[in-house]
């Protein structure tokens, strides 16, 4: 996997019983790029995002965030990632910045190390 990539997924697959929600997803996201996941309901967009952010384990495949394996070293990988799902799991009244600040605090990120651009 490319060391300059921000997020890389290789052969990412997620099955729910006999149903394959995501099958063999490969993607690379580099600094400055914008990625959009488009498709109809049930296409695997949310499942893919959950796997790419470590909120759902893939059945197979690998995700790396800034070179760190999300499976082998999840804490190190997630330090480079901020993610706010459409429905936040707690405190839905918070803004995106407030929620990410809350999560950063939970993970011991000092206020002066947090940047919002």
PDB file of N, CA and C in Angstrom:
ATOM      1  N   UNK A   1       0.838  -1.191   0.000  1.00  0.00           N
ATOM      2  CA  UNK A   1       0.000   0.000   0.000  1.00  0.00           C
ATOM      3  C   UNK A   1       0.876   1.245   0.000  1.00  0.00           C
ATOM      4  N   UNK A   2       0.428   2.265  -0.656  1.00  0.00           N
ATOM      5  CA  UNK A   2       1.152   3.506  -0.840  1.00  0.00           C
ATOM      6  C   UNK A   2       1.287   4.255   0.482  1.00  0.00           C
ATOM      7  N   UNK A   3       2.526   4.632   0.861  1.00  0.00           N
ATOM      8  CA  UNK A   3       2.759   5.294   2.145  1.00  0.00           C
ATOM      9  C   UNK A   3       2.237   6.730   2.160  1.00  0.00           C
ATOM     10  N   UNK A   4       1.988   7.335   0.980  1.00  0.00           N
ATOM     11  CA  UNK A   4       1.485   8.704   0.932  1.00  0.00           C
ATOM     12  C   UNK A   4      -0.038   8.762   0.911  1.00  0.00           C
ATOM     13  N   UNK A   5      -0.682   7.657   0.953  1.00  0.00           N
ATOM     14  CA  UNK A   5      -2.138   7.620   0.947  1.00  0.00           C
ATOM     15  C   UNK A   5      -2.672   7.950   2.330  1.00  0.00           C
ATOM     16  N   UNK A   6      -3.810   8.655   2.367  1.00  0.00           N
ATOM     17  CA  UNK A   6      -4.469   8.924   3.635  1.00  0.00           C
ATOM     18  C   UNK A   6      -5.311   7.725   4.052  1.00  0.00           C
ATOM     19  N   UNK A   7      -6.099   7.220   3.127  1.00  0.00           N
ATOM     20  CA  UNK A   7      -6.921   6.034   3.398  1.00  0.00           C
ATOM     21  C   UNK A   7      -6.774   5.084   2.216  1.00  0.00           C
ATOM     22  N   UNK A   8      -6.525   3.826   2.528  1.00  0.00           N
ATOM     23  CA  UNK A   8      -6.458   2.793   1.502  1.00  0.00           C
ATOM     24  C   UNK A   8      -7.251   1.584   1.943  1.00  0.00           C
ATOM     25  N   UNK A   9      -8.025   1.062   1.038  1.00  0.00           N
ATOM     26  CA  UNK A   9      -8.765  -0.180   1.291  1.00  0.00           C
ATOM     27  C   UNK A   9      -8.433  -1.148   0.178  1.00  0.00           C
ATOM     28  N   UNK A  10      -8.218  -2.390   0.557  1.00  0.00           N
ATOM     29  CA  UNK A  10      -7.918  -3.434  -0.420  1.00  0.00           C
ATOM     30  C   UNK A  10      -8.806  -4.643  -0.149  1.00  0.00           C
ATOM     31  N   UNK A  11      -9.550  -5.044  -1.162  1.00  0.00           N
ATOM     32  CA  UNK A  11     -10.405  -6.229  -1.121  1.00  0.00           C
ATOM     33  C   UNK A  11     -11.368  -6.205   0.072  1.00  0.00           C
ATOM     34  N   UNK A  12     -11.866  -5.022   0.402  1.00  0.00           N
ATOM     35  CA  UNK A  12     -12.748  -4.865   1.559  1.00  0.00           C
ATOM     36  C   UNK A  12     -14.104  -5.517   1.281  1.00  0.00           C
ATOM     37  N   UNK A  13     -14.471  -6.437   2.150  1.00  0.00           N
ATOM     38  CA  UNK A  13     -15.709  -7.202   1.971  1.00  0.00           C
ATOM     39  C   UNK A  13     -16.426  -7.296   3.307  1.00  0.00           C
ATOM     40  N   UNK A  14     -17.758  -7.191   3.256  1.00  0.00           N
ATOM     41  CA  UNK A  14     -18.567  -7.392   4.457  1.00  0.00           C
ATOM     42  C   UNK A  14     -19.791  -8.202   4.069  1.00  0.00           C
ATOM     43  N   UNK A  15     -19.950  -9.306   4.793  1.00  0.00           N
ATOM     44  CA  UNK A  15     -21.117 -10.167   4.602  1.00  0.00           C
ATOM     45  C   UNK A  15     -21.964 -10.141   5.868  1.00  0.00           C
ATOM     46  N   UNK A  16     -23.247 -10.210   5.677  1.00  0.00           N
ATOM     47  CA  UNK A  16     -24.200 -10.381   6.763  1.00  0.00           C
ATOM     48  C   UNK A  16     -24.928 -11.683   6.464  1.00  0.00           C
ATOM     49  N   UNK A  17     -24.487 -12.753   7.109  1.00  0.00           N
ATOM     50  CA  UNK A  17     -25.027 -14.068   6.786  1.00  0.00           C
ATOM     51  C   UNK A  17     -24.709 -14.393   5.344  1.00  0.00           C
ATOM     52  N   UNK A  18     -25.697 -14.816   4.567  1.00  0.00           N
ATOM     53  CA  UNK A  18     -25.442 -15.165   3.167  1.00  0.00           C
ATOM     54  C   UNK A  18     -25.373 -13.941   2.234  1.00  0.00           C
ATOM     55  N   UNK A  19     -25.705 -12.760   2.755  1.00  0.00           N
ATOM     56  CA  UNK A  19     -25.763 -11.557   1.922  1.00  0.00           C
ATOM     57  C   UNK A  19     -24.438 -10.796   1.948  1.00  0.00           C
ATOM     58  N   UNK A  20     -23.941 -10.426   0.794  1.00  0.00           N
ATOM     59  CA  UNK A  20     -22.737  -9.620   0.687  1.00  0.00           C
ATOM     60  C   UNK A  20     -23.156  -8.164   0.521  1.00  0.00           C
ATOM     61  N   UNK A  21     -22.857  -7.352   1.535  1.00  0.00           N
ATOM     62  CA  UNK A  21     -23.197  -5.925   1.486  1.00  0.00           C
ATOM     63  C   UNK A  21     -22.151  -5.147   0.697  1.00  0.00           C
ATOM     64  N   UNK A  22     -20.882  -5.510   0.863  1.00  0.00           N
ATOM     65  CA  UNK A  22     -19.768  -4.885   0.142  1.00  0.00           C
ATOM     66  C   UNK A  22     -18.857  -6.022  -0.295  1.00  0.00           C
ATOM     67  N   UNK A  23     -18.502  -6.046  -1.573  1.00  0.00           N
ATOM     68  CA  UNK A  23     -17.676  -7.133  -2.081  1.00  0.00           C
ATOM     69  C   UNK A  23     -16.435  -6.649  -2.810  1.00  0.00           C
ATOM     70  N   UNK A  24     -15.268  -6.810  -2.185  1.00  0.00           N
ATOM     71  CA  UNK A  24     -13.998  -6.542  -2.853  1.00  0.00           C
ATOM     72  C   UNK A  24     -13.717  -5.086  -3.163  1.00  0.00           C
ATOM     73  N   UNK A  25     -14.083  -4.172  -2.275  1.00  0.00           N
ATOM     74  CA  UNK A  25     -13.864  -2.740  -2.492  1.00  0.00           C
ATOM     75  C   UNK A  25     -12.379  -2.393  -2.402  1.00  0.00           C
ATOM     76  N   UNK A  26     -11.866  -1.742  -3.429  1.00  0.00           N
ATOM     77  CA  UNK A  26     -10.514  -1.190  -3.449  1.00  0.00           C
ATOM     78  C   UNK A  26     -10.642   0.317  -3.641  1.00  0.00           C
ATOM     79  N   UNK A  27      -9.969   1.087  -2.799  1.00  0.00           N
ATOM     80  CA  UNK A  27      -9.943   2.530  -3.007  1.00  0.00           C
ATOM     81  C   UNK A  27      -8.708   3.114  -2.351  1.00  0.00           C
ATOM     82  N   UNK A  28      -8.275   4.240  -2.886  1.00  0.00           N
ATOM     83  CA  UNK A  28      -7.158   4.993  -2.339  1.00  0.00           C
ATOM     84  C   UNK A  28      -7.563   6.462  -2.314  1.00  0.00           C
ATOM     85  N   UNK A  29      -7.383   7.094  -1.168  1.00  0.00           N
ATOM     86  CA  UNK A  29      -7.674   8.515  -1.011  1.00  0.00           C
ATOM     87  C   UNK A  29      -6.393   9.201  -0.569  1.00  0.00           C
ATOM     88  N   UNK A  30      -5.926  10.149  -1.391  1.00  0.00           N
ATOM     89  CA  UNK A  30      -4.698  10.881  -1.093  1.00  0.00           C
ATOM     90  C   UNK A  30      -5.031  12.302  -0.650  1.00  0.00           C
ATOM     91  N   UNK A  31      -4.067  12.953  -0.038  1.00  0.00           N
ATOM     92  CA  UNK A  31      -4.240  14.321   0.443  1.00  0.00           C
ATOM     93  C   UNK A  31      -4.753  15.213  -0.687  1.00  0.00           C
ATOM     94  N   UNK A  32      -5.772  16.010  -0.388  1.00  0.00           N
ATOM     95  CA  UNK A  32      -6.336  16.940  -1.351  1.00  0.00           C
ATOM     96  C   UNK A  32      -7.430  16.362  -2.223  1.00  0.00           C
ATOM     97  N   UNK A  33      -7.620  15.061  -2.185  1.00  0.00           N
ATOM     98  CA  UNK A  33      -8.670  14.440  -2.987  1.00  0.00           C
ATOM     99  C   UNK A  33      -9.990  14.435  -2.217  1.00  0.00           C
ATOM    100  N   UNK A  34     -11.061  14.410  -2.954  1.00  0.00           N
ATOM    101  CA  UNK A  34     -12.404  14.321  -2.381  1.00  0.00           C
ATOM    102  C   UNK A  34     -13.050  13.061  -2.941  1.00  0.00           C
ATOM    103  N   UNK A  35     -13.640  12.288  -2.060  1.00  0.00           N
ATOM    104  CA  UNK A  35     -14.260  11.032  -2.464  1.00  0.00           C
ATOM    105  C   UNK A  35     -15.740  11.077  -2.128  1.00  0.00           C
ATOM    106  N   UNK A  36     -16.557  10.697  -3.054  1.00  0.00           N
ATOM    107  CA  UNK A  36     -17.989  10.593  -2.825  1.00  0.00           C
ATOM    108  C   UNK A  36     -18.436   9.158  -3.061  1.00  0.00           C
ATOM    109  N   UNK A  37     -19.260   8.649  -2.180  1.00  0.00           N
ATOM    110  CA  UNK A  37     -19.840   7.318  -2.352  1.00  0.00           C
ATOM    111  C   UNK A  37     -21.281   7.515  -2.803  1.00  0.00           C
ATOM    112  N   UNK A  38     -21.555   7.134  -4.020  1.00  0.00           N
ATOM    113  CA  UNK A  38     -22.886   7.323  -4.597  1.00  0.00           C
ATOM    114  C   UNK A  38     -23.494   5.988  -4.951  1.00  0.00           C
ATOM    115  N   UNK A  39     -24.782   5.884  -4.761  1.00  0.00           N
ATOM    116  CA  UNK A  39     -25.486   4.673  -5.146  1.00  0.00           C
ATOM    117  C   UNK A  39     -26.850   4.628  -4.498  1.00  0.00           C
ATOM    118  N   UNK A  40     -27.682   3.719  -4.952  1.00  0.00           N
ATOM    119  CA  UNK A  40     -29.032   3.599  -4.385  1.00  0.00           C
ATOM    120  C   UNK A  40     -28.993   3.016  -2.972  1.00  0.00           C
ATOM    121  N   UNK A  41     -30.119   3.101  -2.298  1.00  0.00           N
ATOM    122  CA  UNK A  41     -30.236   2.482  -0.978  1.00  0.00           C
ATOM    123  C   UNK A  41     -29.871   1.010  -1.086  1.00  0.00           C
ATOM    124  N   UNK A  42     -29.105   0.543  -0.119  1.00  0.00           N
ATOM    125  CA  UNK A  42     -28.719  -0.858  -0.098  1.00  0.00           C
ATOM    126  C   UNK A  42     -27.475  -1.181  -0.911  1.00  0.00           C
ATOM    127  N   UNK A  43     -26.818  -0.156  -1.477  1.00  0.00           N
ATOM    128  CA  UNK A  43     -25.641  -0.392  -2.322  1.00  0.00           C
ATOM    129  C   UNK A  43     -24.372  -0.653  -1.519  1.00  0.00           C
ATOM    130  N   UNK A  44     -24.383  -0.359  -0.214  1.00  0.00           N
ATOM    131  CA  UNK A  44     -23.215  -0.615   0.623  1.00  0.00           C
ATOM    132  C   UNK A  44     -22.427   0.631   1.011  1.00  0.00           C
ATOM    133  N   UNK A  45     -22.981   1.821   0.756  1.00  0.00           N
ATOM    134  CA  UNK A  45     -22.277   3.061   1.078  1.00  0.00           C
ATOM    135  C   UNK A  45     -22.031   3.199   2.577  1.00  0.00           C
ATOM    136  N   UNK A  46     -23.048   3.065   3.378  1.00  0.00           N
ATOM    137  CA  UNK A  46     -22.903   3.205   4.835  1.00  0.00           C
ATOM    138  C   UNK A  46     -22.031   2.099   5.416  1.00  0.00           C
ATOM    139  N   UNK A  47     -22.201   0.901   4.922  1.00  0.00           N
ATOM    140  CA  UNK A  47     -21.374  -0.220   5.386  1.00  0.00           C
ATOM    141  C   UNK A  47     -19.907   0.047   5.055  1.00  0.00           C
ATOM    142  N   UNK A  48     -19.642   0.558   3.861  1.00  0.00           N
ATOM    143  CA  UNK A  48     -18.269   0.886   3.473  1.00  0.00           C
ATOM    144  C   UNK A  48     -17.684   1.949   4.396  1.00  0.00           C
ATOM    145  N   UNK A  49     -18.442   3.015   4.650  1.00  0.00           N
ATOM    146  CA  UNK A  49     -17.955   4.078   5.541  1.00  0.00           C
ATOM    147  C   UNK A  49     -17.682   3.539   6.940  1.00  0.00           C
ATOM    148  N   UNK A  50     -18.560   2.688   7.439  1.00  0.00           N
ATOM    149  CA  UNK A  50     -18.356   2.112   8.774  1.00  0.00           C
ATOM    150  C   UNK A  50     -17.090   1.270   8.829  1.00  0.00           C
ATOM    151  N   UNK A  51     -16.802   0.549   7.762  1.00  0.00           N
ATOM    152  CA  UNK A  51     -15.571  -0.248   7.737  1.00  0.00           C
ATOM    153  C   UNK A  51     -14.347   0.655   7.596  1.00  0.00           C
ATOM    154  N   UNK A  52     -14.432   1.680   6.754  1.00  0.00           N
ATOM    155  CA  UNK A  52     -13.301   2.583   6.541  1.00  0.00           C
ATOM    156  C   UNK A  52     -12.948   3.380   7.789  1.00  0.00           C
ATOM    157  N   UNK A  53     -13.907   3.561   8.685  1.00  0.00           N
ATOM    158  CA  UNK A  53     -13.661   4.339   9.902  1.00  0.00           C
ATOM    159  C   UNK A  53     -13.486   3.468  11.143  1.00  0.00           C
ATOM    160  N   UNK A  54     -13.534   2.164  10.973  1.00  0.00           N
ATOM    161  CA  UNK A  54     -13.318   1.277  12.110  1.00  0.00           C
ATOM    162  C   UNK A  54     -14.519   1.070  12.994  1.00  0.00           C
ATOM    163  N   UNK A  55     -15.684   1.454  12.518  1.00  0.00           N
ATOM    164  CA  UNK A  55     -16.912   1.253  13.295  1.00  0.00           C
ATOM    165  C   UNK A  55     -17.582  -0.086  12.997  1.00  0.00           C
ATOM    166  N   UNK A  56     -17.067  -0.803  12.012  1.00  0.00           N
ATOM    167  CA  UNK A  56     -17.575  -2.113  11.646  1.00  0.00           C
ATOM    168  C   UNK A  56     -16.414  -2.917  11.068  1.00  0.00           C
ATOM    169  N   UNK A  57     -16.223  -4.098  11.582  1.00  0.00           N
ATOM    170  CA  UNK A  57     -15.132  -4.946  11.090  1.00  0.00           C
ATOM    171  C   UNK A  57     -15.501  -5.559   9.750  1.00  0.00           C
ATOM    172  N   UNK A  58     -14.568  -5.554   8.813  1.00  0.00           N
ATOM    173  CA  UNK A  58     -14.844  -6.225   7.547  1.00  0.00           C
ATOM    174  C   UNK A  58     -14.782  -7.736   7.719  1.00  0.00           C
ATOM    175  N   UNK A  59     -15.494  -8.452   6.897  1.00  0.00           N
ATOM    176  CA  UNK A  59     -15.397  -9.905   6.860  1.00  0.00           C
ATOM    177  C   UNK A  59     -14.018 -10.292   6.356  1.00  0.00           C
ATOM    178  N   UNK A  60     -13.530  -9.545   5.358  1.00  0.00           N
ATOM    179  CA  UNK A  60     -12.173  -9.745   4.850  1.00  0.00           C
ATOM    180  C   UNK A  60     -11.694  -8.448   4.223  1.00  0.00           C
ATOM    181  N   UNK A  61     -10.401  -8.399   3.949  1.00  0.00           N
ATOM    182  CA  UNK A  61      -9.810  -7.210   3.367  1.00  0.00           C
ATOM    183  C   UNK A  61      -9.090  -6.388   4.416  1.00  0.00           C
ATOM    184  N   UNK A  62      -8.531  -5.280   3.973  1.00  0.00           N
ATOM    185  CA  UNK A  62      -7.727  -4.455   4.864  1.00  0.00           C
ATOM    186  C   UNK A  62      -7.949  -2.972   4.607  1.00  0.00           C
ATOM    187  N   UNK A  63      -7.908  -2.196   5.702  1.00  0.00           N
ATOM    188  CA  UNK A  63      -7.965  -0.738   5.636  1.00  0.00           C
ATOM    189  C   UNK A  63      -6.717  -0.202   6.315  1.00  0.00           C
ATOM    190  N   UNK A  64      -6.070   0.774   5.664  1.00  0.00           N
ATOM    191  CA  UNK A  64      -4.928   1.473   6.260  1.00  0.00           C
ATOM    192  C   UNK A  64      -5.232   2.961   6.249  1.00  0.00           C
ATOM    193  N   UNK A  65      -4.944   3.604   7.355  1.00  0.00           N
ATOM    194  CA  UNK A  65      -5.104   5.041   7.483  1.00  0.00           C
ATOM    195  C   UNK A  65      -3.721   5.617   7.763  1.00  0.00           C
ATOM    196  N   UNK A  66      -3.231   6.416   6.825  1.00  0.00           N
ATOM    197  CA  UNK A  66      -1.869   6.969   6.880  1.00  0.00           C
ATOM    198  C   UNK A  66      -0.851   5.873   7.181  1.00  0.00           C
ATOM    199  N   UNK A  67      -1.024   4.739   6.513  1.00  0.00           N
ATOM    200  CA  UNK A  67      -0.088   3.631   6.619  1.00  0.00           C
ATOM    201  C   UNK A  67      -0.317   2.697   7.792  1.00  0.00           C
ATOM    202  N   UNK A  68      -1.206   3.065   8.709  1.00  0.00           N
ATOM    203  CA  UNK A  68      -1.481   2.243   9.889  1.00  0.00           C
ATOM    204  C   UNK A  68      -2.646   1.296   9.604  1.00  0.00           C
ATOM    205  N   UNK A  69      -2.456   0.040   9.928  1.00  0.00           N
ATOM    206  CA  UNK A  69      -3.513  -0.946   9.736  1.00  0.00           C
ATOM    207  C   UNK A  69      -4.623  -0.724  10.749  1.00  0.00           C
ATOM    208  N   UNK A  70      -5.836  -0.595  10.262  1.00  0.00           N
ATOM    209  CA  UNK A  70      -6.986  -0.417  11.147  1.00  0.00           C
ATOM    210  C   UNK A  70      -7.261  -1.681  11.951  1.00  0.00           C
ATOM    211  N   UNK A  71      -6.891  -2.826  11.416  1.00  0.00           N
ATOM    212  CA  UNK A  71      -7.087  -4.087  12.129  1.00  0.00           C
ATOM    213  C   UNK A  71      -5.983  -4.315  13.167  1.00  0.00           C
ATOM    214  N   UNK A  72      -4.737  -4.132  12.764  1.00  0.00           N
ATOM    215  CA  UNK A  72      -3.609  -4.451  13.641  1.00  0.00           C
ATOM    216  C   UNK A  72      -3.294  -3.375  14.664  1.00  0.00           C
ATOM    217  N   UNK A  73      -3.574  -2.116  14.333  1.00  0.00           N
ATOM    218  CA  UNK A  73      -3.237  -1.013  15.225  1.00  0.00           C
ATOM    219  C   UNK A  73      -4.342   0.048  15.164  1.00  0.00           C
ATOM    220  N   UNK A  74      -5.549  -0.288  15.639  1.00  0.00           N
ATOM    221  CA  UNK A  74      -6.689   0.618  15.465  1.00  0.00           C
ATOM    222  C   UNK A  74      -6.515   1.977  16.128  1.00  0.00           C
ATOM    223  N   UNK A  75      -5.899   2.031  17.300  1.00  0.00           N
ATOM    224  CA  UNK A  75      -5.740   3.327  17.969  1.00  0.00           C
ATOM    225  C   UNK A  75      -4.860   4.256  17.159  1.00  0.00           C
ATOM    226  N   UNK A  76      -3.743   3.768  16.673  1.00  0.00           N
ATOM    227  CA  UNK A  76      -2.833   4.601  15.875  1.00  0.00           C
ATOM    228  C   UNK A  76      -3.505   5.038  14.580  1.00  0.00           C
ATOM    229  N   UNK A  77      -4.227   4.141  13.939  1.00  0.00           N
ATOM    230  CA  UNK A  77      -4.899   4.484  12.684  1.00  0.00           C
ATOM    231  C   UNK A  77      -5.982   5.530  12.911  1.00  0.00           C
ATOM    232  N   UNK A  78      -6.789   5.358  13.939  1.00  0.00           N
ATOM    233  CA  UNK A  78      -7.910   6.268  14.182  1.00  0.00           C
ATOM    234  C   UNK A  78      -7.476   7.647  14.648  1.00  0.00           C
ATOM    235  N   UNK A  79      -6.237   7.790  15.088  1.00  0.00           N
ATOM    236  CA  UNK A  79      -5.743   9.119  15.491  1.00  0.00           C
ATOM    237  C   UNK A  79      -5.700  10.079  14.313  1.00  0.00           C
ATOM    238  N   UNK A  80      -5.696   9.561  13.124  1.00  0.00           N
ATOM    239  CA  UNK A  80      -5.616  10.390  11.923  1.00  0.00           C
ATOM    240  C   UNK A  80      -6.984  10.610  11.291  1.00  0.00           C
ATOM    241  N   UNK A  81      -8.036  10.264  11.995  1.00  0.00           N
ATOM    242  CA  UNK A  81      -9.353  10.232  11.380  1.00  0.00           C
ATOM    243  C   UNK A  81     -10.381  10.925  12.262  1.00  0.00           C
ATOM    244  N   UNK A  82     -11.216  11.721  11.653  1.00  0.00           N
ATOM    245  CA  UNK A  82     -12.387  12.282  12.314  1.00  0.00           C
ATOM    246  C   UNK A  82     -13.598  11.912  11.477  1.00  0.00           C
ATOM    247  N   UNK A  83     -14.601  11.375  12.104  1.00  0.00           N
ATOM    248  CA  UNK A  83     -15.766  10.904  11.348  1.00  0.00           C
ATOM    249  C   UNK A  83     -17.027  11.178  12.158  1.00  0.00           C
ATOM    250  N   UNK A  84     -17.991  11.803  11.515  1.00  0.00           N
ATOM    251  CA  UNK A  84     -19.282  12.041  12.133  1.00  0.00           C
ATOM    252  C   UNK A  84     -20.347  11.426  11.236  1.00  0.00           C
ATOM    253  N   UNK A  85     -20.941  10.323  11.689  1.00  0.00           N
ATOM    254  CA  UNK A  85     -21.983   9.690  10.862  1.00  0.00           C
ATOM    255  C   UNK A  85     -23.222  10.576  10.777  1.00  0.00           C
ATOM    256  N   UNK A  86     -24.083  10.249   9.843  1.00  0.00           N
ATOM    257  CA  UNK A  86     -25.315  11.026   9.665  1.00  0.00           C
ATOM    258  C   UNK A  86     -26.102  11.106  10.966  1.00  0.00           C
ATOM    259  N   UNK A  87     -26.182  10.007  11.673  1.00  0.00           N
ATOM    260  CA  UNK A  87     -26.841   9.974  12.982  1.00  0.00           C
ATOM    261  C   UNK A  87     -25.775   9.718  14.047  1.00  0.00           C
ATOM    262  N   UNK A  88     -25.309  10.774  14.754  1.00  0.00           N
ATOM    263  CA  UNK A  88     -24.280  10.555  15.767  1.00  0.00           C
ATOM    264  C   UNK A  88     -24.790   9.629  16.869  1.00  0.00           C
ATOM    265  N   UNK A  89     -23.902   8.777  17.377  1.00  0.00           N
ATOM    266  CA  UNK A  89     -24.336   7.808  18.377  1.00  0.00           C
ATOM    267  C   UNK A  89     -24.737   8.436  19.713  1.00  0.00           C
ATOM    268  N   UNK A  90     -24.180   9.604  20.040  1.00  0.00           N
ATOM    269  CA  UNK A  90     -24.551  10.314  21.281  1.00  0.00           C
ATOM    270  C   UNK A  90     -24.625  11.811  21.004  1.00  0.00           C
ATOM    271  N   UNK A  91     -25.357  12.532  21.811  1.00  0.00           N
ATOM    272  CA  UNK A  91     -25.467  13.994  21.750  1.00  0.00           C
ATOM    273  C   UNK A  91     -25.768  14.531  20.349  1.00  0.00           C
ATOM    274  N   UNK A  92     -26.908  14.184  19.780  1.00  0.00           N
ATOM    275  CA  UNK A  92     -27.227  14.614  18.418  1.00  0.00           C
ATOM    276  C   UNK A  92     -27.384  16.137  18.276  1.00  0.00           C
ATOM    277  N   UNK A  93     -27.492  16.862  19.381  1.00  0.00           N
ATOM    278  CA  UNK A  93     -27.655  18.317  19.310  1.00  0.00           C
ATOM    279  C   UNK A  93     -26.344  19.061  19.063  1.00  0.00           C
ATOM    280  N   UNK A  94     -25.205  18.375  19.169  1.00  0.00           N
ATOM    281  CA  UNK A  94     -23.910  19.025  18.965  1.00  0.00           C
ATOM    282  C   UNK A  94     -23.648  19.288  17.487  1.00  0.00           C
ATOM    283  N   UNK A  95     -22.898  20.373  17.227  1.00  0.00           N
ATOM    284  CA  UNK A  95     -22.447  20.626  15.862  1.00  0.00           C
ATOM    285  C   UNK A  95     -21.329  19.620  15.543  1.00  0.00           C
ATOM    286  N   UNK A  96     -20.923  19.566  14.288  1.00  0.00           N
ATOM    287  CA  UNK A  96     -19.848  18.659  13.893  1.00  0.00           C
ATOM    288  C   UNK A  96     -18.574  18.970  14.685  1.00  0.00           C
ATOM    289  N   UNK A  97     -18.188  20.258  14.731  1.00  0.00           N
ATOM    290  CA  UNK A  97     -16.974  20.637  15.472  1.00  0.00           C
ATOM    291  C   UNK A  97     -17.082  20.289  16.951  1.00  0.00           C
ATOM    292  N   UNK A  98     -18.243  20.535  17.550  1.00  0.00           N
ATOM    293  CA  UNK A  98     -18.428  20.206  18.969  1.00  0.00           C
ATOM    294  C   UNK A  98     -18.327  18.700  19.202  1.00  0.00           C
ATOM    295  N   UNK A  99     -18.940  17.933  18.323  1.00  0.00           N
ATOM    296  CA  UNK A  99     -18.909  16.485  18.479  1.00  0.00           C
ATOM    297  C   UNK A  99     -17.499  15.938  18.317  1.00  0.00           C
ATOM    298  N   UNK A 100     -16.783  16.415  17.283  1.00  0.00           N
ATOM    299  CA  UNK A 100     -15.413  15.951  17.070  1.00  0.00           C
ATOM    300  C   UNK A 100     -14.514  16.380  18.231  1.00  0.00           C
ATOM    301  N   UNK A 101     -14.735  17.580  18.765  1.00  0.00           N
ATOM    302  CA  UNK A 101     -13.983  18.020  19.943  1.00  0.00           C
ATOM    303  C   UNK A 101     -14.267  17.135  21.144  1.00  0.00           C
ATOM    304  N   UNK A 102     -15.522  16.764  21.316  1.00  0.00           N
ATOM    305  CA  UNK A 102     -15.908  15.857  22.393  1.00  0.00           C
ATOM    306  C   UNK A 102     -15.194  14.513  22.248  1.00  0.00           C
ATOM    307  N   UNK A 103     -15.211  13.969  21.043  1.00  0.00           N
ATOM    308  CA  UNK A 103     -14.549  12.681  20.789  1.00  0.00           C
ATOM    309  C   UNK A 103     -13.038  12.793  20.975  1.00  0.00           C
ATOM    310  N   UNK A 104     -12.450  13.885  20.507  1.00  0.00           N
ATOM    311  CA  UNK A 104     -11.004  14.084  20.673  1.00  0.00           C
ATOM    312  C   UNK A 104     -10.657  14.119  22.157  1.00  0.00           C
ATOM    313  N   UNK A 105     -11.472  14.793  22.947  1.00  0.00           N
ATOM    314  CA  UNK A 105     -11.240  14.836  24.391  1.00  0.00           C
ATOM    315  C   UNK A 105     -11.319  13.461  25.026  1.00  0.00           C
ATOM    316  N   UNK A 106     -12.267  12.657  24.585  1.00  0.00           N
ATOM    317  CA  UNK A 106     -12.383  11.291  25.101  1.00  0.00           C
ATOM    318  C   UNK A 106     -11.145  10.461  24.796  1.00  0.00           C
ATOM    319  N   UNK A 107     -10.505  10.781  23.688  1.00  0.00           N
ATOM    320  CA  UNK A 107      -9.327  10.023  23.264  1.00  0.00           C
ATOM    321  C   UNK A 107      -8.016  10.678  23.695  1.00  0.00           C
ATOM    322  N   UNK A 108      -8.102  11.677  24.566  1.00  0.00           N
ATOM    323  CA  UNK A 108      -6.902  12.279  25.137  1.00  0.00           C
ATOM    324  C   UNK A 108      -6.149  13.231  24.229  1.00  0.00           C
ATOM    325  N   UNK A 109      -6.803  13.759  23.202  1.00  0.00           N
ATOM    326  CA  UNK A 109      -6.142  14.724  22.326  1.00  0.00           C
ATOM    327  C   UNK A 109      -6.237  16.096  22.992  1.00  0.00           C
ATOM    328  N   UNK A 110      -5.093  16.696  23.271  1.00  0.00           N
ATOM    329  CA  UNK A 110      -5.055  18.008  23.923  1.00  0.00           C
ATOM    330  C   UNK A 110      -5.706  19.059  23.030  1.00  0.00           C
ATOM    331  N   UNK A 111      -6.348  20.056  23.653  1.00  0.00           N
ATOM    332  CA  UNK A 111      -7.040  21.096  22.877  1.00  0.00           C
ATOM    333  C   UNK A 111      -6.124  21.774  21.866  1.00  0.00           C
ATOM    334  N   UNK A 112      -4.887  22.046  22.249  1.00  0.00           N
ATOM    335  CA  UNK A 112      -3.982  22.759  21.331  1.00  0.00           C
ATOM    336  C   UNK A 112      -3.524  21.874  20.167  1.00  0.00           C
ATOM    337  N   UNK A 113      -3.738  20.562  20.256  1.00  0.00           N
ATOM    338  CA  UNK A 113      -3.403  19.666  19.145  1.00  0.00           C
ATOM    339  C   UNK A 113      -4.558  19.484  18.175  1.00  0.00           C
ATOM    340  N   UNK A 114      -5.726  19.936  18.543  1.00  0.00           N
ATOM    341  CA  UNK A 114      -6.896  19.799  17.675  1.00  0.00           C
ATOM    342  C   UNK A 114      -6.916  20.947  16.687  1.00  0.00           C
ATOM    343  N   UNK A 115      -7.155  20.654  15.438  1.00  0.00           N
ATOM    344  CA  UNK A 115      -7.253  21.719  14.442  1.00  0.00           C
ATOM    345  C   UNK A 115      -8.498  21.477  13.607  1.00  0.00           C
ATOM    346  N   UNK A 116      -9.199  22.544  13.338  1.00  0.00           N
ATOM    347  CA  UNK A 116     -10.412  22.494  12.516  1.00  0.00           C
ATOM    348  C   UNK A 116     -10.207  23.462  11.376  1.00  0.00           C
ATOM    349  N   UNK A 117     -10.092  22.924  10.187  1.00  0.00           N
ATOM    350  CA  UNK A 117      -9.837  23.783   9.024  1.00  0.00           C
ATOM    351  C   UNK A 117     -10.951  23.681   8.037  1.00  0.00           C
TER     352      UNK A 117
END
